[in-house]
């Protein structure tokens, strides 16, 4: 966000734009007058109604912008704020900053203690898990899961749905096809 002086300058530039645009509209929609007698008719043309609408719009914009300028000027520091007051304000801010820094250091120190406690607990958990893995007997023979267990061939009638005399088809295509 811009400081108050920059805001004031931007608002003054905006006010100048409103003035220039309103004059441009007046020039754009003005009709040449016949100098002697200023011939005016009683009815307004649609163009004159449009000029009236623009005049109302720009009057509103200019008035609103003037109020904004006044508010910004009022918010500027006045000349009563001396260098002593500014120095005192800066000292107070510096003290508050010092206190906040001390609180931050305390919080960081507590955080570091908590971090070391958490790391220690995690190391204990990891060591306990390793100890449990080495002390638990393996469910596999010889202690490894890669050992292949050899089994004997199934006896006859171990598969009740197969007849020992049945001829199973060959699973390789093209063999024993009879061609």
N, C-alpha and C. Protein backbone atom coordinates (compact mmCIF):
# COMPACT_ATOMS: atom_id res chain seq x y z
N UNK A 1 0.85 -1.17 0.00
CA UNK A 1 0.00 0.00 0.00
C UNK A 1 0.90 1.23 0.00
N UNK A 2 0.49 2.23 -0.72
CA UNK A 2 1.28 3.45 -0.85
C UNK A 2 1.15 4.30 0.41
N UNK A 3 2.13 5.15 0.62
CA UNK A 3 2.05 6.05 1.77
C UNK A 3 1.02 7.14 1.51
N UNK A 4 0.76 7.93 2.52
CA UNK A 4 -0.32 8.93 2.42
C UNK A 4 -0.02 10.02 1.40
N UNK A 5 1.24 10.41 1.30
CA UNK A 5 1.57 11.45 0.30
C UNK A 5 1.36 10.95 -1.12
N UNK A 6 1.72 9.70 -1.37
CA UNK A 6 1.52 9.13 -2.70
C UNK A 6 0.04 9.00 -2.99
N UNK A 7 -0.75 8.58 -1.99
CA UNK A 7 -2.19 8.51 -2.18
C UNK A 7 -2.77 9.88 -2.48
N UNK A 8 -2.29 10.89 -1.77
CA UNK A 8 -2.77 12.25 -2.00
C UNK A 8 -2.44 12.71 -3.42
N UNK A 9 -1.22 12.44 -3.85
CA UNK A 9 -0.82 12.84 -5.21
C UNK A 9 -1.66 12.11 -6.25
N UNK A 10 -1.91 10.81 -6.04
CA UNK A 10 -2.74 10.06 -6.99
C UNK A 10 -4.16 10.61 -7.04
N UNK A 11 -4.70 10.99 -5.89
CA UNK A 11 -6.06 11.53 -5.85
C UNK A 11 -6.12 12.89 -6.52
N UNK A 12 -5.08 13.71 -6.34
CA UNK A 12 -5.05 15.02 -7.02
C UNK A 12 -4.96 14.82 -8.53
N UNK A 13 -4.17 13.86 -8.96
CA UNK A 13 -4.08 13.56 -10.41
C UNK A 13 -5.42 13.07 -10.93
N UNK A 14 -6.12 12.28 -10.15
CA UNK A 14 -7.45 11.80 -10.55
C UNK A 14 -8.42 12.98 -10.65
N UNK A 15 -8.33 13.93 -9.74
CA UNK A 15 -9.19 15.12 -9.78
C UNK A 15 -8.90 15.92 -11.04
N UNK A 16 -7.63 16.05 -11.39
CA UNK A 16 -7.27 16.77 -12.62
C UNK A 16 -7.85 16.05 -13.84
N UNK A 17 -7.81 14.72 -13.83
CA UNK A 17 -8.40 13.95 -14.94
C UNK A 17 -9.91 14.22 -15.05
N UNK A 18 -10.58 14.26 -13.90
CA UNK A 18 -12.03 14.54 -13.92
C UNK A 18 -12.31 15.93 -14.51
N UNK A 19 -11.51 16.92 -14.12
CA UNK A 19 -11.70 18.26 -14.67
C UNK A 19 -11.48 18.27 -16.18
N UNK A 20 -10.39 17.64 -16.62
CA UNK A 20 -10.10 17.63 -18.07
C UNK A 20 -11.18 16.89 -18.84
N UNK A 21 -11.62 15.76 -18.33
CA UNK A 21 -12.65 15.00 -19.03
C UNK A 21 -13.98 15.75 -19.07
N UNK A 22 -14.31 16.44 -18.00
CA UNK A 22 -15.58 17.19 -18.01
C UNK A 22 -15.52 18.33 -19.01
N UNK A 23 -14.39 19.00 -19.10
CA UNK A 23 -14.25 20.08 -20.10
C UNK A 23 -14.31 19.50 -21.50
N UNK A 24 -13.69 18.33 -21.70
CA UNK A 24 -13.75 17.68 -23.01
C UNK A 24 -15.17 17.32 -23.42
N UNK A 25 -15.96 16.84 -22.47
CA UNK A 25 -17.36 16.50 -22.77
C UNK A 25 -18.15 17.76 -23.11
N UNK A 26 -17.91 18.82 -22.37
CA UNK A 26 -18.61 20.08 -22.66
C UNK A 26 -18.26 20.57 -24.06
N UNK A 27 -17.00 20.47 -24.43
CA UNK A 27 -16.61 20.91 -25.77
C UNK A 27 -17.19 19.99 -26.85
N UNK A 28 -17.24 18.70 -26.57
CA UNK A 28 -17.73 17.74 -27.56
C UNK A 28 -19.20 17.95 -27.87
N UNK A 29 -20.00 18.23 -26.86
CA UNK A 29 -21.44 18.32 -27.06
C UNK A 29 -21.96 19.76 -27.16
N UNK A 30 -21.08 20.71 -27.14
CA UNK A 30 -21.57 22.09 -27.23
C UNK A 30 -21.99 22.41 -28.67
N UNK A 31 -22.96 23.26 -28.76
CA UNK A 31 -23.44 23.66 -30.08
C UNK A 31 -22.99 25.10 -30.33
N UNK A 32 -22.69 25.39 -31.56
CA UNK A 32 -22.28 26.77 -31.84
C UNK A 32 -23.46 27.72 -31.58
N UNK A 33 -23.15 28.79 -30.95
CA UNK A 33 -24.22 29.75 -30.64
C UNK A 33 -24.22 30.85 -31.68
N UNK A 34 -25.37 31.37 -31.87
CA UNK A 34 -25.50 32.54 -32.74
C UNK A 34 -25.34 33.72 -31.82
N UNK A 35 -24.27 34.40 -31.97
CA UNK A 35 -23.85 35.42 -31.01
C UNK A 35 -24.93 36.43 -30.68
N UNK A 36 -25.51 37.11 -31.63
CA UNK A 36 -26.51 38.09 -31.21
C UNK A 36 -27.80 37.40 -30.75
N UNK A 37 -28.20 37.62 -29.57
CA UNK A 37 -29.47 37.14 -29.06
C UNK A 37 -29.43 35.75 -28.47
N UNK A 38 -28.39 34.96 -28.65
CA UNK A 38 -28.30 33.59 -28.13
C UNK A 38 -29.61 32.84 -28.32
N UNK A 39 -29.89 32.46 -29.54
CA UNK A 39 -31.14 31.78 -29.88
C UNK A 39 -31.27 30.49 -29.07
N UNK A 40 -32.21 30.46 -28.17
CA UNK A 40 -32.44 29.26 -27.37
C UNK A 40 -33.86 28.80 -27.61
N UNK A 41 -33.99 27.54 -27.86
CA UNK A 41 -35.33 26.99 -28.02
C UNK A 41 -35.77 26.42 -26.69
N UNK A 42 -37.03 26.26 -26.49
CA UNK A 42 -37.60 25.83 -25.21
C UNK A 42 -37.41 24.35 -24.93
N UNK A 43 -37.26 23.53 -25.94
CA UNK A 43 -37.16 22.08 -25.71
C UNK A 43 -35.69 21.63 -25.76
N UNK A 44 -35.41 20.59 -25.02
CA UNK A 44 -34.05 20.04 -25.02
C UNK A 44 -33.99 18.89 -26.02
N UNK A 45 -32.93 18.86 -26.75
CA UNK A 45 -32.72 17.75 -27.68
C UNK A 45 -32.13 16.59 -26.90
N UNK A 46 -32.14 15.37 -27.46
CA UNK A 46 -31.53 14.23 -26.76
C UNK A 46 -30.05 14.46 -26.46
N UNK A 47 -29.38 15.21 -27.34
CA UNK A 47 -27.97 15.49 -27.12
C UNK A 47 -27.79 16.38 -25.90
N UNK A 48 -28.68 17.34 -25.72
CA UNK A 48 -28.59 18.22 -24.55
C UNK A 48 -28.89 17.44 -23.27
N UNK A 49 -29.78 16.47 -23.34
CA UNK A 49 -30.07 15.63 -22.17
C UNK A 49 -28.84 14.81 -21.80
N UNK A 50 -28.11 14.32 -22.80
CA UNK A 50 -26.89 13.55 -22.56
C UNK A 50 -25.83 14.43 -21.90
N UNK A 51 -25.73 15.68 -22.32
CA UNK A 51 -24.77 16.61 -21.72
C UNK A 51 -25.14 16.83 -20.25
N UNK A 52 -26.43 16.94 -19.97
CA UNK A 52 -26.87 17.13 -18.58
C UNK A 52 -26.51 15.92 -17.73
N UNK A 53 -26.65 14.71 -18.29
CA UNK A 53 -26.28 13.49 -17.57
C UNK A 53 -24.77 13.47 -17.29
N UNK A 54 -23.98 13.84 -18.29
CA UNK A 54 -22.53 13.90 -18.10
C UNK A 54 -22.15 14.96 -17.06
N UNK A 55 -22.84 16.09 -17.10
CA UNK A 55 -22.55 17.15 -16.15
C UNK A 55 -22.83 16.67 -14.72
N UNK A 56 -23.92 15.96 -14.53
CA UNK A 56 -24.23 15.42 -13.21
C UNK A 56 -23.20 14.38 -12.78
N UNK A 57 -22.81 13.51 -13.71
CA UNK A 57 -21.81 12.48 -13.41
C UNK A 57 -20.48 13.11 -13.00
N UNK A 58 -19.99 14.06 -13.78
CA UNK A 58 -18.70 14.67 -13.45
C UNK A 58 -18.78 15.53 -12.19
N UNK A 59 -19.92 16.16 -11.94
CA UNK A 59 -20.06 16.92 -10.71
C UNK A 59 -19.96 15.99 -9.49
N UNK A 60 -20.56 14.82 -9.60
CA UNK A 60 -20.49 13.83 -8.52
C UNK A 60 -19.06 13.33 -8.34
N UNK A 61 -18.38 13.01 -9.44
CA UNK A 61 -17.01 12.52 -9.36
C UNK A 61 -16.07 13.57 -8.76
N UNK A 62 -16.22 14.81 -9.18
CA UNK A 62 -15.35 15.88 -8.69
C UNK A 62 -15.60 16.12 -7.20
N UNK A 63 -16.86 16.11 -6.78
CA UNK A 63 -17.17 16.33 -5.37
C UNK A 63 -16.63 15.19 -4.50
N UNK A 64 -16.79 13.94 -4.95
CA UNK A 64 -16.29 12.79 -4.20
C UNK A 64 -14.77 12.83 -4.10
N UNK A 65 -14.12 13.17 -5.19
CA UNK A 65 -12.66 13.24 -5.20
C UNK A 65 -12.17 14.36 -4.28
N UNK A 66 -12.89 15.49 -4.24
CA UNK A 66 -12.51 16.59 -3.35
C UNK A 66 -12.63 16.15 -1.89
N UNK A 67 -13.66 15.37 -1.55
CA UNK A 67 -13.79 14.85 -0.18
C UNK A 67 -12.64 13.91 0.15
N UNK A 68 -12.24 13.07 -0.80
CA UNK A 68 -11.11 12.16 -0.57
C UNK A 68 -9.83 12.94 -0.33
N UNK A 69 -9.64 14.02 -1.09
CA UNK A 69 -8.44 14.86 -0.92
C UNK A 69 -8.44 15.47 0.48
N UNK A 70 -9.58 15.99 0.92
CA UNK A 70 -9.67 16.57 2.25
C UNK A 70 -9.36 15.53 3.34
N UNK A 71 -9.89 14.32 3.17
CA UNK A 71 -9.64 13.27 4.16
C UNK A 71 -8.16 12.90 4.21
N UNK A 72 -7.52 12.83 3.05
CA UNK A 72 -6.10 12.50 3.02
C UNK A 72 -5.25 13.61 3.64
N UNK A 73 -5.62 14.85 3.40
CA UNK A 73 -4.88 15.97 3.98
C UNK A 73 -5.01 15.94 5.50
N UNK A 74 -6.22 15.65 6.00
CA UNK A 74 -6.43 15.58 7.44
C UNK A 74 -5.63 14.44 8.09
N UNK A 75 -5.37 13.37 7.34
CA UNK A 75 -4.65 12.24 7.92
C UNK A 75 -3.14 12.44 7.95
N UNK A 76 -2.66 13.48 7.27
CA UNK A 76 -1.22 13.76 7.29
C UNK A 76 -0.82 14.28 8.66
N UNK A 77 0.40 13.97 9.09
CA UNK A 77 0.83 14.49 10.40
C UNK A 77 0.96 16.01 10.35
N UNK A 78 0.58 16.64 11.41
CA UNK A 78 0.67 18.10 11.45
C UNK A 78 2.04 18.54 11.95
N UNK A 79 2.29 19.79 11.93
CA UNK A 79 3.60 20.32 12.29
C UNK A 79 3.87 20.22 13.78
N UNK A 80 2.87 19.92 14.59
CA UNK A 80 3.06 19.83 16.03
C UNK A 80 3.94 18.64 16.43
N UNK A 81 4.02 17.64 15.56
CA UNK A 81 4.84 16.48 15.92
C UNK A 81 6.31 16.84 15.69
N UNK A 82 6.96 17.12 16.78
CA UNK A 82 8.35 17.56 16.73
C UNK A 82 9.28 16.36 16.65
N UNK A 83 10.54 16.65 16.49
CA UNK A 83 11.53 15.58 16.42
C UNK A 83 11.63 14.85 17.76
N UNK A 84 11.36 15.55 18.87
CA UNK A 84 11.41 14.88 20.17
C UNK A 84 10.32 13.81 20.27
N UNK A 85 9.13 14.15 19.78
CA UNK A 85 8.04 13.18 19.80
C UNK A 85 8.36 11.99 18.90
N UNK A 86 8.95 12.26 17.76
CA UNK A 86 9.30 11.19 16.84
C UNK A 86 10.38 10.29 17.44
N UNK A 87 11.37 10.88 18.10
CA UNK A 87 12.43 10.10 18.73
C UNK A 87 11.86 9.25 19.85
N UNK A 88 10.96 9.81 20.64
CA UNK A 88 10.33 9.05 21.72
C UNK A 88 9.52 7.88 21.15
N UNK A 89 8.81 8.12 20.07
CA UNK A 89 8.03 7.06 19.43
C UNK A 89 8.95 5.96 18.90
N UNK A 90 10.07 6.36 18.31
CA UNK A 90 11.02 5.38 17.81
C UNK A 90 11.64 4.56 18.94
N UNK A 91 11.93 5.20 20.06
CA UNK A 91 12.47 4.47 21.21
C UNK A 91 11.48 3.44 21.74
N UNK A 92 10.22 3.83 21.79
CA UNK A 92 9.19 2.91 22.26
C UNK A 92 9.08 1.73 21.30
N UNK A 93 9.10 1.99 20.01
CA UNK A 93 9.04 0.91 19.03
C UNK A 93 10.26 0.00 19.14
N UNK A 94 11.43 0.59 19.41
CA UNK A 94 12.64 -0.21 19.55
C UNK A 94 12.56 -1.11 20.78
N UNK A 95 12.01 -0.60 21.89
CA UNK A 95 11.85 -1.41 23.09
C UNK A 95 10.88 -2.57 22.84
N UNK A 96 9.78 -2.29 22.16
CA UNK A 96 8.82 -3.34 21.83
C UNK A 96 9.47 -4.39 20.94
N UNK A 97 10.28 -3.93 20.01
CA UNK A 97 10.98 -4.86 19.12
C UNK A 97 11.98 -5.72 19.90
N UNK A 98 12.67 -5.11 20.86
CA UNK A 98 13.62 -5.84 21.70
C UNK A 98 12.91 -6.94 22.49
N UNK A 99 11.76 -6.61 23.08
CA UNK A 99 10.99 -7.58 23.86
C UNK A 99 10.50 -8.73 22.96
N UNK A 100 10.03 -8.37 21.78
CA UNK A 100 9.56 -9.40 20.85
C UNK A 100 10.72 -10.30 20.44
N UNK A 101 11.91 -9.74 20.25
CA UNK A 101 13.08 -10.54 19.90
C UNK A 101 13.45 -11.52 21.01
N UNK A 102 13.37 -11.06 22.26
CA UNK A 102 13.67 -11.93 23.40
C UNK A 102 12.66 -13.07 23.49
N UNK A 103 11.37 -12.74 23.28
CA UNK A 103 10.34 -13.80 23.30
C UNK A 103 10.59 -14.81 22.18
N UNK A 104 11.00 -14.31 21.02
CA UNK A 104 11.29 -15.20 19.90
C UNK A 104 12.45 -16.13 20.23
N UNK A 105 13.50 -15.61 20.85
CA UNK A 105 14.64 -16.44 21.23
C UNK A 105 14.22 -17.52 22.22
N UNK A 106 13.35 -17.19 23.18
CA UNK A 106 12.85 -18.18 24.13
C UNK A 106 12.07 -19.28 23.43
N UNK A 107 11.22 -18.88 22.51
CA UNK A 107 10.41 -19.86 21.79
C UNK A 107 11.31 -20.77 20.94
N UNK A 108 12.32 -20.20 20.31
CA UNK A 108 13.24 -21.00 19.50
C UNK A 108 13.99 -21.99 20.39
N UNK A 109 14.44 -21.56 21.57
CA UNK A 109 15.16 -22.45 22.48
C UNK A 109 14.25 -23.60 22.92
N UNK A 110 13.00 -23.29 23.26
CA UNK A 110 12.07 -24.35 23.65
C UNK A 110 11.82 -25.30 22.48
N UNK A 111 11.74 -24.76 21.29
CA UNK A 111 11.53 -25.59 20.10
C UNK A 111 12.71 -26.52 19.85
N UNK A 112 13.92 -26.02 20.08
CA UNK A 112 15.10 -26.87 19.89
C UNK A 112 15.13 -28.00 20.92
N UNK A 113 14.73 -27.72 22.17
CA UNK A 113 14.67 -28.77 23.20
C UNK A 113 13.64 -29.82 22.80
N UNK A 114 12.47 -29.37 22.36
CA UNK A 114 11.43 -30.32 21.92
C UNK A 114 11.91 -31.15 20.73
N UNK A 115 12.61 -30.51 19.81
CA UNK A 115 13.12 -31.22 18.64
C UNK A 115 14.10 -32.31 19.06
N UNK A 116 14.99 -32.00 19.99
CA UNK A 116 15.95 -33.02 20.43
C UNK A 116 15.23 -34.16 21.16
N UNK A 117 14.20 -33.86 21.94
CA UNK A 117 13.43 -34.90 22.63
C UNK A 117 12.72 -35.81 21.62
N UNK A 118 12.15 -35.19 20.59
CA UNK A 118 11.44 -35.98 19.55
C UNK A 118 12.43 -36.85 18.80
N UNK A 119 13.59 -36.31 18.45
CA UNK A 119 14.60 -37.10 17.74
C UNK A 119 15.08 -38.26 18.60
N UNK A 120 15.26 -38.03 19.89
CA UNK A 120 15.67 -39.09 20.80
C UNK A 120 14.61 -40.18 20.88
N UNK A 121 13.35 -39.78 20.99
CA UNK A 121 12.25 -40.75 21.05
C UNK A 121 12.18 -41.56 19.77
N UNK A 122 12.36 -40.92 18.62
CA UNK A 122 12.33 -41.63 17.34
C UNK A 122 13.49 -42.62 17.25
N UNK A 123 14.65 -42.23 17.72
CA UNK A 123 15.80 -43.14 17.71
C UNK A 123 15.53 -44.35 18.61
N UNK A 124 14.92 -44.14 19.78
CA UNK A 124 14.57 -45.24 20.67
C UNK A 124 13.57 -46.18 20.02
N UNK A 125 12.59 -45.62 19.35
CA UNK A 125 11.57 -46.44 18.67
C UNK A 125 12.22 -47.27 17.57
N UNK A 126 13.08 -46.66 16.79
CA UNK A 126 13.75 -47.38 15.70
C UNK A 126 14.62 -48.50 16.25
N UNK A 127 15.35 -48.25 17.33
CA UNK A 127 16.20 -49.27 17.93
C UNK A 127 15.37 -50.41 18.49
N UNK A 128 14.24 -50.09 19.10
CA UNK A 128 13.36 -51.12 19.63
C UNK A 128 12.83 -52.01 18.52
N UNK A 129 12.46 -51.41 17.39
CA UNK A 129 11.96 -52.20 16.27
C UNK A 129 13.05 -53.12 15.72
N UNK A 130 14.28 -52.61 15.63
CA UNK A 130 15.38 -53.44 15.15
C UNK A 130 15.64 -54.59 16.11
N UNK A 131 15.61 -54.31 17.41
CA UNK A 131 15.82 -55.35 18.41
C UNK A 131 14.74 -56.42 18.32
N UNK A 132 13.50 -56.03 18.08
CA UNK A 132 12.40 -56.98 17.98
C UNK A 132 12.54 -57.85 16.75
N UNK A 133 13.01 -57.31 15.64
CA UNK A 133 13.18 -58.08 14.42
C UNK A 133 14.26 -59.14 14.59
N UNK A 134 15.34 -58.84 15.29
CA UNK A 134 16.43 -59.79 15.46
C UNK A 134 16.10 -60.85 16.50
N UNK A 135 15.24 -60.58 17.43
CA UNK A 135 14.94 -61.54 18.49
C UNK A 135 13.77 -62.45 18.14
N UNK A 136 12.95 -62.14 17.17
CA UNK A 136 11.79 -62.94 16.80
C UNK A 136 12.24 -64.03 15.84
N UNK A 137 11.85 -65.32 16.10
CA UNK A 137 12.23 -66.40 15.17
C UNK A 137 11.49 -66.25 13.85
N UNK A 138 12.17 -66.61 12.77
CA UNK A 138 11.58 -66.50 11.45
C UNK A 138 10.60 -67.63 11.21
N UNK A 139 9.48 -67.40 10.56
CA UNK A 139 8.52 -68.46 10.27
C UNK A 139 9.00 -69.37 9.15
N UNK A 140 10.10 -69.04 8.47
CA UNK A 140 10.59 -69.81 7.35
C UNK A 140 11.75 -70.71 7.80
N UNK A 141 11.91 -71.88 7.18
CA UNK A 141 13.03 -72.73 7.52
C UNK A 141 14.34 -72.03 7.19
N UNK A 142 15.36 -72.31 7.92
CA UNK A 142 16.69 -71.70 7.76
C UNK A 142 16.67 -70.19 7.94
N UNK A 143 15.57 -69.64 8.36
CA UNK A 143 15.49 -68.22 8.67
C UNK A 143 15.36 -67.29 7.49
N UNK A 144 15.20 -67.83 6.28
CA UNK A 144 15.07 -66.95 5.12
C UNK A 144 13.77 -67.23 4.40
N UNK A 145 13.29 -66.21 3.77
CA UNK A 145 12.04 -66.35 3.02
C UNK A 145 12.30 -66.85 1.62
N UNK A 146 13.55 -66.86 1.16
CA UNK A 146 13.87 -67.26 -0.20
C UNK A 146 14.06 -68.76 -0.35
N UNK A 147 14.05 -69.54 0.72
CA UNK A 147 14.25 -70.98 0.66
C UNK A 147 13.05 -71.62 -0.02
N UNK A 148 13.34 -72.45 -1.02
CA UNK A 148 12.28 -73.14 -1.74
C UNK A 148 12.06 -74.49 -1.07
N UNK A 149 10.86 -74.76 -0.70
CA UNK A 149 10.52 -76.03 -0.07
C UNK A 149 10.23 -77.05 -1.16
N UNK A 150 10.90 -78.16 -1.08
CA UNK A 150 10.65 -79.20 -2.07
C UNK A 150 9.56 -80.11 -1.53
N UNK A 151 8.64 -80.46 -2.42
CA UNK A 151 7.55 -81.35 -2.02
C UNK A 151 7.55 -82.56 -2.93
N UNK A 152 7.02 -83.61 -2.47
CA UNK A 152 6.94 -84.82 -3.29
C UNK A 152 5.76 -84.70 -4.22
N UNK A 153 5.76 -85.49 -5.26
CA UNK A 153 4.68 -85.49 -6.24
C UNK A 153 3.42 -85.99 -5.57
N UNK A 154 2.28 -85.47 -5.97
CA UNK A 154 1.03 -85.90 -5.35
C UNK A 154 0.76 -87.38 -5.67
N UNK A 155 0.17 -88.01 -4.74
CA UNK A 155 -0.18 -89.42 -4.94
C UNK A 155 -1.40 -89.52 -5.84
N UNK A 156 -1.67 -90.75 -6.29
CA UNK A 156 -2.87 -90.97 -7.12
C UNK A 156 -4.10 -90.58 -6.32
N UNK A 157 -5.06 -90.11 -7.04
CA UNK A 157 -6.34 -89.70 -6.48
C UNK A 157 -6.22 -88.49 -5.54
N UNK A 158 -5.13 -87.76 -5.65
CA UNK A 158 -5.05 -86.55 -4.84
C UNK A 158 -5.91 -85.46 -5.43
N UNK A 159 -6.20 -85.57 -6.71
CA UNK A 159 -7.11 -84.64 -7.37
C UNK A 159 -8.34 -85.46 -7.76
N UNK A 160 -9.40 -85.42 -7.01
CA UNK A 160 -10.53 -86.30 -7.25
C UNK A 160 -11.22 -86.05 -8.59
N UNK A 161 -11.04 -84.91 -9.18
CA UNK A 161 -11.74 -84.64 -10.43
C UNK A 161 -10.96 -85.14 -11.63
N UNK A 162 -9.72 -85.63 -11.43
CA UNK A 162 -8.95 -86.16 -12.54
C UNK A 162 -8.90 -87.69 -12.43
N UNK A 163 -9.10 -88.31 -13.53
CA UNK A 163 -8.95 -89.76 -13.61
C UNK A 163 -7.53 -90.04 -14.04
N UNK A 164 -6.87 -90.98 -13.42
CA UNK A 164 -5.47 -91.26 -13.76
C UNK A 164 -5.34 -91.80 -15.16
N UNK A 165 -6.40 -92.33 -15.76
CA UNK A 165 -6.36 -92.87 -17.12
C UNK A 165 -6.72 -91.82 -18.16
N UNK A 166 -7.12 -90.64 -17.73
CA UNK A 166 -7.56 -89.62 -18.69
C UNK A 166 -6.36 -89.02 -19.39
N UNK A 167 -6.55 -88.72 -20.64
CA UNK A 167 -5.50 -88.08 -21.42
C UNK A 167 -5.74 -86.58 -21.39
N UNK A 168 -4.80 -85.86 -20.83
CA UNK A 168 -4.92 -84.42 -20.79
C UNK A 168 -4.47 -83.85 -22.11
N UNK A 169 -5.15 -82.83 -22.61
CA UNK A 169 -4.70 -82.25 -23.88
C UNK A 169 -3.38 -81.53 -23.70
N UNK A 170 -2.61 -81.54 -24.77
CA UNK A 170 -1.31 -80.87 -24.73
C UNK A 170 -1.55 -79.36 -24.80
N UNK A 171 -0.87 -78.64 -23.97
CA UNK A 171 -1.12 -77.20 -23.92
C UNK A 171 -0.36 -76.44 -24.99
N UNK A 172 0.57 -77.10 -25.70
CA UNK A 172 1.31 -76.42 -26.74
C UNK A 172 0.56 -76.54 -28.05
N UNK A 173 0.23 -75.46 -28.69
CA UNK A 173 -0.49 -75.56 -29.97
C UNK A 173 0.43 -76.13 -31.04
N UNK A 174 -0.16 -76.86 -31.93
CA UNK A 174 0.57 -77.39 -33.08
C UNK A 174 1.12 -78.78 -32.85
N UNK A 175 1.26 -79.23 -31.62
CA UNK A 175 1.76 -80.58 -31.37
C UNK A 175 0.58 -81.54 -31.30
N UNK A 176 0.78 -82.70 -31.82
CA UNK A 176 -0.24 -83.75 -31.84
C UNK A 176 -1.56 -83.26 -32.44
N UNK A 177 -1.44 -82.41 -33.41
CA UNK A 177 -2.66 -81.89 -34.02
C UNK A 177 -3.18 -82.82 -35.11
N UNK A 178 -2.35 -83.74 -35.64
CA UNK A 178 -2.79 -84.67 -36.63
C UNK A 178 -2.74 -84.13 -38.03
N UNK A 179 -2.14 -83.05 -38.28
CA UNK A 179 -2.07 -82.51 -39.64
C UNK A 179 -0.82 -82.92 -40.33
